[in-house]
Structure formats: C-alpha cells, structure tokens
Amino acid sequence: MSDRRSQRIRQQLRQHPNPRGRHDPVAFHVQIRRVYQPAGESPTAADQHAQLARQLRRQRQGRG
C-alpha cells in the first residue's frame, strides 16, 4: 500500500516539479499581495507602505 502511495506521489511530483522551492524568485510579500488583492484593484496602499518603509530605511542609514 505504501508502495502504491509513493508511486502516486512520484507521479504528482513529475507533473509539478518543485512547485514552490526555497529559492523562489517571487518574494513572500508579493505572493501575499497577489493572493489577497482582488483583481482590478490597485495596490496603492501597499505601495505607500513600501515607500514609507524605504524612507525610514534611508533615514536610518543616513544617521548611522
């Protein structure tokens, strides 16, 4: 039985080789945004948040 199960898993892996590897080029927050953002809605809020984060980072680096 376990043999049959492993065969099925191997087939599935053949169909979808490494669907989400560790070295995924897509960043995690981008995936989340894709999932939770309804189609046709502009991600302005997320972009504003990213801009704020960038500004804060720049200020911190300038001080240091």
PDB file of N, CA and C in Angstrom:
ATOM      1  N   MET A   1       0.835  -1.208   0.000  1.00  0.00           N
ATOM      2  CA  MET A   1       0.000   0.000   0.000  1.00  0.00           C
ATOM      3  C   MET A   1       0.872   1.262   0.000  1.00  0.00           C
ATOM      4  N   SER A   2       1.873   1.272   0.889  1.00  0.00           N
ATOM      5  CA  SER A   2       2.754   2.435   0.945  1.00  0.00           C
ATOM      6  C   SER A   2       3.495   2.593  -0.387  1.00  0.00           C
ATOM      7  N   ASP A   3       3.787   1.449  -1.034  1.00  0.00           N
ATOM      8  CA  ASP A   3       4.456   1.493  -2.327  1.00  0.00           C
ATOM      9  C   ASP A   3       3.585   2.219  -3.351  1.00  0.00           C
ATOM     10  N   ARG A   4       2.304   1.852  -3.365  1.00  0.00           N
ATOM     11  CA  ARG A   4       1.389   2.485  -4.310  1.00  0.00           C
ATOM     12  C   ARG A   4       1.297   3.985  -4.032  1.00  0.00           C
ATOM     13  N   ARG A   5       1.277   4.315  -2.744  1.00  0.00           N
ATOM     14  CA  ARG A   5       1.184   5.719  -2.371  1.00  0.00           C
ATOM     15  C   ARG A   5       2.422   6.487  -2.850  1.00  0.00           C
ATOM     16  N   SER A   6       3.585   5.904  -2.658  1.00  0.00           N
ATOM     17  CA  SER A   6       4.803   6.591  -3.089  1.00  0.00           C
ATOM     18  C   SER A   6       4.806   6.750  -4.609  1.00  0.00           C
ATOM     19  N   GLN A   7       4.282   5.741  -5.327  1.00  0.00           N
ATOM     20  CA  GLN A   7       4.194   5.870  -6.786  1.00  0.00           C
ATOM     21  C   GLN A   7       3.327   7.064  -7.163  1.00  0.00           C
ATOM     22  N   ARG A   8       2.174   7.189  -6.473  1.00  0.00           N
ATOM     23  CA  ARG A   8       1.277   8.299  -6.783  1.00  0.00           C
ATOM     24  C   ARG A   8       1.965   9.635  -6.496  1.00  0.00           C
ATOM     25  N   ILE A   9       2.677   9.705  -5.386  1.00  0.00           N
ATOM     26  CA  ILE A   9       3.375  10.948  -5.039  1.00  0.00           C
ATOM     27  C   ILE A   9       4.425  11.268  -6.093  1.00  0.00           C
ATOM     28  N   ARG A  10       5.124  10.228  -6.560  1.00  0.00           N
ATOM     29  CA  ARG A  10       6.139  10.457  -7.594  1.00  0.00           C
ATOM     30  C   ARG A  10       5.495  10.999  -8.866  1.00  0.00           C
ATOM     31  N   GLN A  11       4.330  10.437  -9.230  1.00  0.00           N
ATOM     32  CA  GLN A  11       3.642  10.938 -10.425  1.00  0.00           C
ATOM     33  C   GLN A  11       3.287  12.415 -10.255  1.00  0.00           C
ATOM     34  N   GLN A  12       2.745  12.762  -9.091  1.00  0.00           N
ATOM     35  CA  GLN A  12       2.372  14.155  -8.848  1.00  0.00           C
ATOM     36  C   GLN A  12       3.600  15.064  -8.942  1.00  0.00           C
ATOM     37  N   LEU A  13       4.718  14.595  -8.390  1.00  0.00           N
ATOM     38  CA  LEU A  13       5.934  15.400  -8.443  1.00  0.00           C
ATOM     39  C   LEU A  13       6.406  15.562  -9.883  1.00  0.00           C
ATOM     40  N   ARG A  14       6.210  14.524 -10.690  1.00  0.00           N
ATOM     41  CA  ARG A  14       6.592  14.629 -12.087  1.00  0.00           C
ATOM     42  C   ARG A  14       5.744  15.695 -12.780  1.00  0.00           C
ATOM     43  N   GLN A  15       4.444  15.724 -12.428  1.00  0.00           N
ATOM     44  CA  GLN A  15       3.568  16.712 -13.056  1.00  0.00           C
ATOM     45  C   GLN A  15       3.932  18.127 -12.605  1.00  0.00           C
ATOM     46  N   HIS A  16       4.196  18.295 -11.293  1.00  0.00           N
ATOM     47  CA  HIS A  16       4.517  19.608 -10.755  1.00  0.00           C
ATOM     48  C   HIS A  16       5.897  19.556 -10.100  1.00  0.00           C
ATOM     49  N   PRO A  17       6.962  19.705 -10.864  1.00  0.00           N
ATOM     50  CA  PRO A  17       8.291  19.614 -10.272  1.00  0.00           C
ATOM     51  C   PRO A  17       8.587  20.823  -9.388  1.00  0.00           C
ATOM     52  N   ASN A  18       8.715  20.572  -8.097  1.00  0.00           N
ATOM     53  CA  ASN A  18       9.096  21.616  -7.142  1.00  0.00           C
ATOM     54  C   ASN A  18       8.249  22.880  -7.312  1.00  0.00           C
ATOM     55  N   PRO A  19       6.958  22.815  -6.976  1.00  0.00           N
ATOM     56  CA  PRO A  19       6.082  23.961  -7.223  1.00  0.00           C
ATOM     57  C   PRO A  19       6.534  25.226  -6.505  1.00  0.00           C
ATOM     58  N   ARG A  20       6.986  25.104  -5.248  1.00  0.00           N
ATOM     59  CA  ARG A  20       7.477  26.279  -4.527  1.00  0.00           C
ATOM     60  C   ARG A  20       8.783  25.913  -3.842  1.00  0.00           C
ATOM     61  N   GLY A  21       9.876  26.167  -4.536  1.00  0.00           N
ATOM     62  CA  GLY A  21      11.161  25.854  -3.938  1.00  0.00           C
ATOM     63  C   GLY A  21      11.571  26.920  -2.945  1.00  0.00           C
ATOM     64  N   ARG A  22      12.635  26.647  -2.209  1.00  0.00           N
ATOM     65  CA  ARG A  22      13.131  27.646  -1.263  1.00  0.00           C
ATOM     66  C   ARG A  22      13.695  28.837  -2.012  1.00  0.00           C
ATOM     67  N   HIS A  23      14.318  28.553  -3.147  1.00  0.00           N
ATOM     68  CA  HIS A  23      14.911  29.625  -3.937  1.00  0.00           C
ATOM     69  C   HIS A  23      13.867  30.198  -4.879  1.00  0.00           C
ATOM     70  N   ASP A  24      12.683  30.524  -4.338  1.00  0.00           N
ATOM     71  CA  ASP A  24      11.602  31.047  -5.148  1.00  0.00           C
ATOM     72  C   ASP A  24      11.915  32.495  -5.520  1.00  0.00           C
ATOM     73  N   PRO A  25      11.917  32.818  -6.816  1.00  0.00           N
ATOM     74  CA  PRO A  25      12.231  34.192  -7.202  1.00  0.00           C
ATOM     75  C   PRO A  25      11.186  35.191  -6.716  1.00  0.00           C
ATOM     76  N   VAL A  26       9.932  34.722  -6.520  1.00  0.00           N
ATOM     77  CA  VAL A  26       8.872  35.636  -6.091  1.00  0.00           C
ATOM     78  C   VAL A  26       8.977  35.854  -4.582  1.00  0.00           C
ATOM     79  N   ALA A  27       9.046  37.106  -4.182  1.00  0.00           N
ATOM     80  CA  ALA A  27       9.142  37.421  -2.757  1.00  0.00           C
ATOM     81  C   ALA A  27       7.839  37.076  -2.051  1.00  0.00           C
ATOM     82  N   PHE A  28       7.955  36.803  -0.748  1.00  0.00           N
ATOM     83  CA  PHE A  28       6.791  36.351   0.013  1.00  0.00           C
ATOM     84  C   PHE A  28       5.691  37.406   0.025  1.00  0.00           C
ATOM     85  N   HIS A  29       6.070  38.679   0.254  1.00  0.00           N
ATOM     86  CA  HIS A  29       5.035  39.716   0.345  1.00  0.00           C
ATOM     87  C   HIS A  29       4.359  39.910  -1.005  1.00  0.00           C
ATOM     88  N   VAL A  30       5.087  39.653  -2.102  1.00  0.00           N
ATOM     89  CA  VAL A  30       4.473  39.762  -3.427  1.00  0.00           C
ATOM     90  C   VAL A  30       3.434  38.662  -3.597  1.00  0.00           C
ATOM     91  N   GLN A  31       3.764  37.441  -3.159  1.00  0.00           N
ATOM     92  CA  GLN A  31       2.788  36.354  -3.230  1.00  0.00           C
ATOM     93  C   GLN A  31       1.547  36.714  -2.434  1.00  0.00           C
ATOM     94  N   ILE A  32       1.759  37.204  -1.205  1.00  0.00           N
ATOM     95  CA  ILE A  32       0.624  37.547  -0.346  1.00  0.00           C
ATOM     96  C   ILE A  32      -0.234  38.606  -1.024  1.00  0.00           C
ATOM     97  N   ARG A  33       0.422  39.619  -1.609  1.00  0.00           N
ATOM     98  CA  ARG A  33      -0.333  40.686  -2.258  1.00  0.00           C
ATOM     99  C   ARG A  33      -1.158  40.110  -3.402  1.00  0.00           C
ATOM    100  N   ARG A  34      -0.535  39.190  -4.171  1.00  0.00           N
ATOM    101  CA  ARG A  34      -1.262  38.573  -5.275  1.00  0.00           C
ATOM    102  C   ARG A  34      -2.493  37.843  -4.762  1.00  0.00           C
ATOM    103  N   VAL A  35      -2.333  37.135  -3.637  1.00  0.00           N
ATOM    104  CA  VAL A  35      -3.437  36.324  -3.129  1.00  0.00           C
ATOM    105  C   VAL A  35      -4.559  37.208  -2.614  1.00  0.00           C
ATOM    106  N   TYR A  36      -4.204  38.220  -1.814  1.00  0.00           N
ATOM    107  CA  TYR A  36      -5.231  38.970  -1.096  1.00  0.00           C
ATOM    108  C   TYR A  36      -5.739  40.193  -1.838  1.00  0.00           C
ATOM    109  N   GLN A  37      -5.121  40.534  -2.968  1.00  0.00           N
ATOM    110  CA  GLN A  37      -5.554  41.721  -3.689  1.00  0.00           C
ATOM    111  C   GLN A  37      -6.600  41.328  -4.725  1.00  0.00           C
ATOM    112  N   PRO A  38      -7.826  41.836  -4.629  1.00  0.00           N
ATOM    113  CA  PRO A  38      -8.841  41.498  -5.628  1.00  0.00           C
ATOM    114  C   PRO A  38      -8.428  41.989  -7.011  1.00  0.00           C
ATOM    115  N   ALA A  39      -8.868  41.291  -8.029  1.00  0.00           N
ATOM    116  CA  ALA A  39      -8.478  41.638  -9.399  1.00  0.00           C
ATOM    117  C   ALA A  39      -9.003  43.029  -9.749  1.00  0.00           C
ATOM    118  N   GLY A  40      -8.170  43.808 -10.428  1.00  0.00           N
ATOM    119  CA  GLY A  40      -8.575  45.128 -10.864  1.00  0.00           C
ATOM    120  C   GLY A  40      -8.432  46.194  -9.799  1.00  0.00           C
ATOM    121  N   GLU A  41      -8.009  45.827  -8.606  1.00  0.00           N
ATOM    122  CA  GLU A  41      -7.841  46.816  -7.545  1.00  0.00           C
ATOM    123  C   GLU A  41      -6.377  47.230  -7.481  1.00  0.00           C
ATOM    124  N   SER A  42      -6.132  48.522  -7.434  1.00  0.00           N
ATOM    125  CA  SER A  42      -4.748  48.998  -7.450  1.00  0.00           C
ATOM    126  C   SER A  42      -4.127  48.859  -6.063  1.00  0.00           C
ATOM    127  N   PRO A  43      -2.910  48.362  -5.980  1.00  0.00           N
ATOM    128  CA  PRO A  43      -2.255  48.170  -4.673  1.00  0.00           C
ATOM    129  C   PRO A  43      -1.587  49.448  -4.183  1.00  0.00           C
ATOM    130  N   THR A  44      -2.332  50.569  -4.188  1.00  0.00           N
ATOM    131  CA  THR A  44      -1.708  51.846  -3.817  1.00  0.00           C
ATOM    132  C   THR A  44      -1.316  51.842  -2.346  1.00  0.00           C
ATOM    133  N   ALA A  45      -2.189  51.285  -1.494  1.00  0.00           N
ATOM    134  CA  ALA A  45      -1.899  51.295  -0.062  1.00  0.00           C
ATOM    135  C   ALA A  45      -0.596  50.544   0.212  1.00  0.00           C
ATOM    136  N   ALA A  46      -0.452  49.381  -0.414  1.00  0.00           N
ATOM    137  CA  ALA A  46       0.762  48.591  -0.208  1.00  0.00           C
ATOM    138  C   ALA A  46       1.977  49.375  -0.707  1.00  0.00           C
ATOM    139  N   ASP A  47       1.821  50.047  -1.860  1.00  0.00           N
ATOM    140  CA  ASP A  47       2.944  50.812  -2.394  1.00  0.00           C
ATOM    141  C   ASP A  47       3.318  51.956  -1.453  1.00  0.00           C
ATOM    142  N   GLN A  48       2.293  52.638  -0.919  1.00  0.00           N
ATOM    143  CA  GLN A  48       2.584  53.716   0.033  1.00  0.00           C
ATOM    144  C   GLN A  48       3.348  53.170   1.233  1.00  0.00           C
ATOM    145  N   HIS A  49       2.912  52.016   1.710  1.00  0.00           N
ATOM    146  CA  HIS A  49       3.585  51.407   2.853  1.00  0.00           C
ATOM    147  C   HIS A  49       5.040  51.109   2.512  1.00  0.00           C
ATOM    148  N   ALA A  50       5.259  50.575   1.309  1.00  0.00           N
ATOM    149  CA  ALA A  50       6.628  50.262   0.893  1.00  0.00           C
ATOM    150  C   ALA A  50       7.461  51.544   0.817  1.00  0.00           C
ATOM    151  N   GLN A  51       6.851  52.611   0.282  1.00  0.00           N
ATOM    152  CA  GLN A  51       7.585  53.876   0.197  1.00  0.00           C
ATOM    153  C   GLN A  51       7.976  54.373   1.589  1.00  0.00           C
ATOM    154  N   LEU A  52       7.026  54.309   2.531  1.00  0.00           N
ATOM    155  CA  LEU A  52       7.334  54.738   3.896  1.00  0.00           C
ATOM    156  C   LEU A  52       8.489  53.922   4.462  1.00  0.00           C
ATOM    157  N   ALA A  53       8.436  52.619   4.259  1.00  0.00           N
ATOM    158  CA  ALA A  53       9.495  51.754   4.777  1.00  0.00           C
ATOM    159  C   ALA A  53      10.838  52.149   4.175  1.00  0.00           C
ATOM    160  N   ARG A  54      10.834  52.437   2.863  1.00  0.00           N
ATOM    161  CA  ARG A  54      12.079  52.827   2.207  1.00  0.00           C
ATOM    162  C   ARG A  54      12.611  54.133   2.801  1.00  0.00           C
ATOM    163  N   GLN A  55      11.706  55.101   2.992  1.00  0.00           N
ATOM    164  CA  GLN A  55      12.135  56.380   3.568  1.00  0.00           C
ATOM    165  C   GLN A  55      12.765  56.166   4.944  1.00  0.00           C
ATOM    166  N   LEU A  56      12.088  55.380   5.781  1.00  0.00           N
ATOM    167  CA  LEU A  56      12.613  55.127   7.125  1.00  0.00           C
ATOM    168  C   LEU A  56      13.993  54.479   7.044  1.00  0.00           C
ATOM    169  N   ARG A  57      14.134  53.528   6.127  1.00  0.00           N
ATOM    170  CA  ARG A  57      15.416  52.841   5.995  1.00  0.00           C
ATOM    171  C   ARG A  57      16.497  53.844   5.609  1.00  0.00           C
ATOM    172  N   ARG A  58      16.168  54.736   4.649  1.00  0.00           N
ATOM    173  CA  ARG A  58      17.148  55.723   4.207  1.00  0.00           C
ATOM    174  C   ARG A  58      17.559  56.620   5.373  1.00  0.00           C
ATOM    175  N   GLN A  59      16.565  57.076   6.149  1.00  0.00           N
ATOM    176  CA  GLN A  59      16.883  57.950   7.283  1.00  0.00           C
ATOM    177  C   GLN A  59      17.801  57.232   8.260  1.00  0.00           C
ATOM    178  N   ARG A  60      17.471  55.966   8.550  1.00  0.00           N
ATOM    179  CA  ARG A  60      18.285  55.206   9.497  1.00  0.00           C
ATOM    180  C   ARG A  60      19.717  55.074   8.979  1.00  0.00           C
ATOM    181  N   GLN A  61      19.841  54.756   7.682  1.00  0.00           N
ATOM    182  CA  GLN A  61      21.181  54.579   7.118  1.00  0.00           C
ATOM    183  C   GLN A  61      21.951  55.901   7.156  1.00  0.00           C
ATOM    184  N   GLY A  62      21.255  57.011   6.861  1.00  0.00           N
ATOM    185  CA  GLY A  62      21.914  58.310   6.874  1.00  0.00           C
ATOM    186  C   GLY A  62      22.440  58.649   8.259  1.00  0.00           C
ATOM    187  N   ARG A  63      21.649  58.347   9.288  1.00  0.00           N
ATOM    188  CA  ARG A  63      22.092  58.623  10.661  1.00  0.00           C
ATOM    189  C   ARG A  63      23.305  57.767  11.016  1.00  0.00           C
ATOM    190  N   GLY A  64      23.196  56.461  10.713  1.00  0.00           N
ATOM    191  CA  GLY A  64      24.260  55.542  11.091  1.00  0.00           C
ATOM    192  C   GLY A  64      25.546  55.836  10.355  1.00  0.00           C
TER     193      GLY A  64
END
